[in-house]
Amino acid sequence: MEEKNTDDTEVLDKIRNVSTSALKCMQCGICSSSCPSGRHTSLNIRKLVKIAGKSIDILSNEELWMCTTCYNCQERCPRNIDIVDILLNIRAISVQNGNIHPEHRIVCEMLLEYGHAVPINEQNRNERVNLGLEELPETVQKYEDGLEEVKILLGSCGFGKLIEQTES
């Protein structure tokens, strides 16, 4: 039997701590059947709930990053398992351990640069003006001082360093 190193044991303990309510799962499948992402991707929420807290392998599971956090599964769960919260906590552990899905990294980088994940591009700016709207909507991107505050806030909690740490 292979001996686990201390780091793996500590990570697994963290995963178990955030996954305790998953132990209540009776594998009824309501979560998977109500998942809009599961209809269009390989995401199987029921499988993720089943393996949550059992192995650090979940950190490298592609499906962990497919959840759009709509909370359909969590709202419909007959055992009141905090499914989305578990997945978000496991994602956080994954990022803390240097793993982040490439598409999520892009969102994080946009957040660092623009203050939110969906910056308004030139085409959208022009369309807004043509419609008689202001070039930018009421977002952080519109206000330089607000954007600077967001950048300071993100910097103070080490968000940028965390994202750099996870670069492939």
C-alpha atoms as a PDB file:
ATOM      1  CA  MET A   1       0.000   0.000   0.000  1.00  0.00           C
ATOM      2  CA  GLU A   2       1.344   3.406  -1.010  1.00  0.00           C
ATOM      3  CA  GLU A   3       1.991   5.801   1.858  1.00  0.00           C
ATOM      4  CA  LYS A   4       0.453   9.235   1.398  1.00  0.00           C
ATOM      5  CA  ASN A   5       2.692  12.221   1.905  1.00  0.00           C
ATOM      6  CA  THR A   6       1.774  14.742   4.593  1.00  0.00           C
ATOM      7  CA  ASP A   7       0.746  17.414   2.081  1.00  0.00           C
ATOM      8  CA  ASP A   8      -1.736  15.038   0.421  1.00  0.00           C
ATOM      9  CA  THR A   9      -3.140  14.079   3.808  1.00  0.00           C
ATOM     10  CA  GLU A  10      -3.612  17.729   4.775  1.00  0.00           C
ATOM     11  CA  VAL A  11      -5.305  18.515   1.455  1.00  0.00           C
ATOM     12  CA  LEU A  12      -7.571  15.474   1.800  1.00  0.00           C
ATOM     13  CA  ASP A  13      -8.480  16.608   5.330  1.00  0.00           C
ATOM     14  CA  LYS A  14      -9.457  20.025   3.947  1.00  0.00           C
ATOM     15  CA  ILE A  15     -11.571  18.392   1.235  1.00  0.00           C
ATOM     16  CA  ARG A  16     -13.258  16.147   3.804  1.00  0.00           C
ATOM     17  CA  ASN A  17     -13.990  19.119   6.059  1.00  0.00           C
ATOM     18  CA  VAL A  18     -15.832  20.983   3.292  1.00  0.00           C
ATOM     19  CA  SER A  19     -17.589  17.837   2.045  1.00  0.00           C
ATOM     20  CA  THR A  20     -19.158  16.429   5.196  1.00  0.00           C
ATOM     21  CA  SER A  21     -22.761  17.049   4.103  1.00  0.00           C
ATOM     22  CA  ALA A  22     -22.086  14.967   0.962  1.00  0.00           C
ATOM     23  CA  LEU A  23     -22.096  11.908   3.213  1.00  0.00           C
ATOM     24  CA  LYS A  24     -25.891  12.282   3.431  1.00  0.00           C
ATOM     25  CA  CYS A  25     -26.241  11.642  -0.309  1.00  0.00           C
ATOM     26  CA  MET A  26     -28.469   8.676  -1.207  1.00  0.00           C
ATOM     27  CA  GLN A  27     -27.546   8.897  -4.930  1.00  0.00           C
ATOM     28  CA  CYS A  28     -31.136   9.587  -5.999  1.00  0.00           C
ATOM     29  CA  GLY A  29     -29.975  11.554  -9.063  1.00  0.00           C
ATOM     30  CA  ILE A  30     -32.212  14.586  -8.597  1.00  0.00           C
ATOM     31  CA  CYS A  31     -29.124  16.819  -8.664  1.00  0.00           C
ATOM     32  CA  SER A  32     -27.943  15.480 -12.005  1.00  0.00           C
ATOM     33  CA  SER A  33     -31.401  15.523 -13.568  1.00  0.00           C
ATOM     34  CA  SER A  34     -31.897  19.194 -12.641  1.00  0.00           C
ATOM     35  CA  CYS A  35     -28.456  20.340 -13.814  1.00  0.00           C
ATOM     36  CA  PRO A  36     -28.606  22.500 -16.974  1.00  0.00           C
ATOM     37  CA  SER A  37     -24.859  22.134 -17.527  1.00  0.00           C
ATOM     38  CA  GLY A  38     -25.133  18.368 -17.310  1.00  0.00           C
ATOM     39  CA  ARG A  39     -27.444  18.368 -20.320  1.00  0.00           C
ATOM     40  CA  HIS A  40     -24.754  19.932 -22.502  1.00  0.00           C
ATOM     41  CA  THR A  41     -21.483  18.705 -20.986  1.00  0.00           C
ATOM     42  CA  SER A  42     -20.087  15.629 -19.301  1.00  0.00           C
ATOM     43  CA  LEU A  43     -20.850  17.144 -15.874  1.00  0.00           C
ATOM     44  CA  ASN A  44     -22.353  14.560 -13.548  1.00  0.00           C
ATOM     45  CA  ILE A  45     -23.102  16.264 -10.242  1.00  0.00           C
ATOM     46  CA  ARG A  46     -24.178  13.011  -8.602  1.00  0.00           C
ATOM     47  CA  LYS A  47     -20.770  11.487  -9.344  1.00  0.00           C
ATOM     48  CA  LEU A  48     -18.965  14.536  -7.928  1.00  0.00           C
ATOM     49  CA  VAL A  49     -21.032  14.396  -4.741  1.00  0.00           C
ATOM     50  CA  LYS A  50     -20.262  10.676  -4.460  1.00  0.00           C
ATOM     51  CA  ILE A  51     -16.489  11.191  -4.655  1.00  0.00           C
ATOM     52  CA  ALA A  52     -16.354  14.469  -2.690  1.00  0.00           C
ATOM     53  CA  GLY A  53     -14.235  14.021   0.401  1.00  0.00           C
ATOM     54  CA  LYS A  54     -12.896  10.626  -0.599  1.00  0.00           C
ATOM     55  CA  SER A  55      -9.791  11.450  -2.616  1.00  0.00           C
ATOM     56  CA  ILE A  56      -7.614  14.373  -3.664  1.00  0.00           C
ATOM     57  CA  ASP A  57      -8.182  13.172  -7.226  1.00  0.00           C
ATOM     58  CA  ILE A  58     -11.302  15.348  -7.276  1.00  0.00           C
ATOM     59  CA  LEU A  59      -8.969  18.380  -7.538  1.00  0.00           C
ATOM     60  CA  SER A  60      -7.943  17.319 -11.037  1.00  0.00           C
ATOM     61  CA  ASN A  61     -11.449  16.307 -12.130  1.00  0.00           C
ATOM     62  CA  GLU A  62     -12.444  18.347 -15.179  1.00  0.00           C
ATOM     63  CA  GLU A  63     -16.105  18.224 -14.144  1.00  0.00           C
ATOM     64  CA  LEU A  64     -15.371  20.189 -10.964  1.00  0.00           C
ATOM     65  CA  TRP A  65     -15.059  23.306 -13.132  1.00  0.00           C
ATOM     66  CA  MET A  66     -18.143  22.739 -15.312  1.00  0.00           C
ATOM     67  CA  CYS A  67     -20.683  23.719 -12.661  1.00  0.00           C
ATOM     68  CA  THR A  68     -22.160  27.158 -13.380  1.00  0.00           C
ATOM     69  CA  THR A  69     -23.345  27.558  -9.773  1.00  0.00           C
ATOM     70  CA  CYS A  70     -27.018  27.907 -10.699  1.00  0.00           C
ATOM     71  CA  TYR A  71     -27.949  26.100  -7.447  1.00  0.00           C
ATOM     72  CA  ASN A  72     -30.670  23.978  -9.119  1.00  0.00           C
ATOM     73  CA  CYS A  73     -29.149  20.803  -7.668  1.00  0.00           C
ATOM     74  CA  GLN A  74     -28.803  22.249  -4.191  1.00  0.00           C
ATOM     75  CA  GLU A  75     -32.337  23.658  -4.131  1.00  0.00           C
ATOM     76  CA  ARG A  76     -33.833  20.335  -5.212  1.00  0.00           C
ATOM     77  CA  CYS A  77     -31.734  17.999  -3.073  1.00  0.00           C
ATOM     78  CA  PRO A  78     -34.079  16.034  -0.776  1.00  0.00           C
ATOM     79  CA  ARG A  79     -31.259  15.682   1.780  1.00  0.00           C
ATOM     80  CA  ASN A  80     -30.436  19.420   1.755  1.00  0.00           C
ATOM     81  CA  ILE A  81     -26.834  18.826   0.785  1.00  0.00           C
ATOM     82  CA  ASP A  82     -24.938  22.036   0.071  1.00  0.00           C
ATOM     83  CA  ILE A  83     -23.775  20.702  -3.299  1.00  0.00           C
ATOM     84  CA  VAL A  84     -22.706  23.952  -4.950  1.00  0.00           C
ATOM     85  CA  ASP A  85     -21.073  25.202  -1.774  1.00  0.00           C
ATOM     86  CA  ILE A  86     -19.097  21.957  -1.551  1.00  0.00           C
ATOM     87  CA  LEU A  87     -17.950  22.302  -5.168  1.00  0.00           C
ATOM     88  CA  LEU A  88     -16.963  25.946  -4.680  1.00  0.00           C
ATOM     89  CA  ASN A  89     -14.987  25.065  -1.565  1.00  0.00           C
ATOM     90  CA  ILE A  90     -13.247  22.204  -3.353  1.00  0.00           C
ATOM     91  CA  ARG A  91     -12.433  24.563  -6.237  1.00  0.00           C
ATOM     92  CA  ALA A  92     -10.909  26.974  -3.725  1.00  0.00           C
ATOM     93  CA  ILE A  93      -8.767  24.170  -2.309  1.00  0.00           C
ATOM     94  CA  SER A  94      -7.769  23.252  -5.850  1.00  0.00           C
ATOM     95  CA  VAL A  95      -6.673  26.825  -6.598  1.00  0.00           C
ATOM     96  CA  GLN A  96      -4.791  27.027  -3.304  1.00  0.00           C
ATOM     97  CA  ASN A  97      -2.916  23.931  -4.444  1.00  0.00           C
ATOM     98  CA  GLY A  98      -1.957  25.435  -7.793  1.00  0.00           C
ATOM     99  CA  ASN A  99      -4.743  24.037  -9.987  1.00  0.00           C
ATOM    100  CA  ILE A 100      -7.261  26.151 -11.836  1.00  0.00           C
ATOM    101  CA  HIS A 101      -9.163  25.401 -15.012  1.00  0.00           C
ATOM    102  CA  PRO A 102      -7.792  27.502 -17.925  1.00  0.00           C
ATOM    103  CA  GLU A 103     -11.136  29.181 -18.642  1.00  0.00           C
ATOM    104  CA  HIS A 104     -11.502  30.129 -14.988  1.00  0.00           C
ATOM    105  CA  ARG A 105      -7.980  31.579 -15.053  1.00  0.00           C
ATOM    106  CA  ILE A 106      -9.051  33.830 -17.935  1.00  0.00           C
ATOM    107  CA  VAL A 107     -12.034  35.052 -15.903  1.00  0.00           C
ATOM    108  CA  CYS A 108      -9.739  35.753 -12.942  1.00  0.00           C
ATOM    109  CA  GLU A 109      -7.299  37.649 -15.138  1.00  0.00           C
ATOM    110  CA  MET A 110     -10.148  39.774 -16.540  1.00  0.00           C
ATOM    111  CA  LEU A 111     -11.315  40.467 -13.003  1.00  0.00           C
ATOM    112  CA  LEU A 112      -7.813  41.668 -12.121  1.00  0.00           C
ATOM    113  CA  GLU A 113      -7.587  43.868 -15.209  1.00  0.00           C
ATOM    114  CA  TYR A 114     -11.128  45.217 -15.611  1.00  0.00           C
ATOM    115  CA  GLY A 115     -12.769  44.775 -12.208  1.00  0.00           C
ATOM    116  CA  HIS A 116     -15.274  42.226 -13.496  1.00  0.00           C
ATOM    117  CA  ALA A 117     -15.259  39.121 -15.614  1.00  0.00           C
ATOM    118  CA  VAL A 118     -17.005  40.440 -18.707  1.00  0.00           C
ATOM    119  CA  PRO A 119     -15.339  43.608 -19.960  1.00  0.00           C
ATOM    120  CA  ILE A 120     -17.172  45.750 -22.473  1.00  0.00           C
ATOM    121  CA  ASN A 121     -15.347  45.464 -25.798  1.00  0.00           C
ATOM    122  CA  GLU A 122     -15.208  48.105 -28.525  1.00  0.00           C
ATOM    123  CA  GLN A 123     -18.075  46.583 -30.517  1.00  0.00           C
ATOM    124  CA  ASN A 124     -20.380  46.627 -27.497  1.00  0.00           C
ATOM    125  CA  ARG A 125     -19.346  50.183 -26.662  1.00  0.00           C
ATOM    126  CA  ASN A 126     -20.257  51.301 -30.176  1.00  0.00           C
ATOM    127  CA  GLU A 127     -23.577  49.448 -30.099  1.00  0.00           C
ATOM    128  CA  ARG A 128     -24.443  51.106 -26.775  1.00  0.00           C
ATOM    129  CA  VAL A 129     -23.712  54.561 -28.220  1.00  0.00           C
ATOM    130  CA  ASN A 130     -25.771  53.784 -31.354  1.00  0.00           C
ATOM    131  CA  LEU A 131     -28.677  52.867 -29.088  1.00  0.00           C
ATOM    132  CA  GLY A 132     -28.384  56.182 -27.294  1.00  0.00           C
ATOM    133  CA  LEU A 133     -26.860  54.679 -24.173  1.00  0.00           C
ATOM    134  CA  GLU A 134     -23.702  55.718 -22.401  1.00  0.00           C
ATOM    135  CA  GLU A 135     -20.615  54.048 -23.797  1.00  0.00           C
ATOM    136  CA  LEU A 136     -20.088  52.070 -20.582  1.00  0.00           C
ATOM    137  CA  PRO A 137     -22.738  50.718 -18.223  1.00  0.00           C
ATOM    138  CA  GLU A 138     -22.610  51.374 -14.497  1.00  0.00           C
ATOM    139  CA  THR A 139     -19.778  48.967 -13.797  1.00  0.00           C
ATOM    140  CA  VAL A 140     -16.370  49.212 -12.198  1.00  0.00           C
ATOM    141  CA  GLN A 141     -14.874  49.497 -15.667  1.00  0.00           C
ATOM    142  CA  LYS A 142     -16.570  52.887 -16.054  1.00  0.00           C
ATOM    143  CA  TYR A 143     -14.932  54.408 -12.991  1.00  0.00           C
ATOM    144  CA  GLU A 144     -11.148  54.433 -12.865  1.00  0.00           C
ATOM    145  CA  ASP A 145     -11.040  55.138  -9.129  1.00  0.00           C
ATOM    146  CA  GLY A 146     -13.472  52.267  -8.504  1.00  0.00           C
ATOM    147  CA  LEU A 147     -11.367  49.981 -10.645  1.00  0.00           C
ATOM    148  CA  GLU A 148      -8.281  50.987  -8.677  1.00  0.00           C
ATOM    149  CA  GLU A 149     -10.117  50.189  -5.441  1.00  0.00           C
ATOM    150  CA  VAL A 150     -11.047  46.744  -6.753  1.00  0.00           C
ATOM    151  CA  LYS A 151      -7.436  46.150  -7.762  1.00  0.00           C
ATOM    152  CA  ILE A 152      -6.234  47.237  -4.310  1.00  0.00           C
ATOM    153  CA  LEU A 153      -8.789  44.964  -2.660  1.00  0.00           C
ATOM    154  CA  LEU A 154      -7.811  41.989  -4.819  1.00  0.00           C
ATOM    155  CA  GLY A 155      -4.145  42.724  -4.193  1.00  0.00           C
ATOM    156  CA  SER A 156      -4.635  42.948  -0.432  1.00  0.00           C
ATOM    157  CA  CYS A 157      -6.084  39.452  -0.281  1.00  0.00           C
ATOM    158  CA  GLY A 158      -3.384  37.975  -2.534  1.00  0.00           C
ATOM    159  CA  PHE A 159      -5.738  37.183  -5.425  1.00  0.00           C
ATOM    160  CA  GLY A 160      -3.205  38.090  -8.123  1.00  0.00           C
ATOM    161  CA  LYS A 161      -0.459  36.034  -6.506  1.00  0.00           C
ATOM    162  CA  LEU A 162      -2.828  33.104  -6.153  1.00  0.00           C
ATOM    163  CA  ILE A 163      -3.633  33.237  -9.867  1.00  0.00           C
ATOM    164  CA  GLU A 164       0.070  33.551 -10.772  1.00  0.00           C
ATOM    165  CA  GLN A 165       0.824  30.569  -8.528  1.00  0.00           C
ATOM    166  CA  THR A 166      -1.606  28.426 -10.503  1.00  0.00           C
ATOM    167  CA  GLU A 167      -0.242  29.236 -13.951  1.00  0.00           C
ATOM    168  CA  SER A 168       0.417  26.163 -16.032  1.00  0.00           C
END
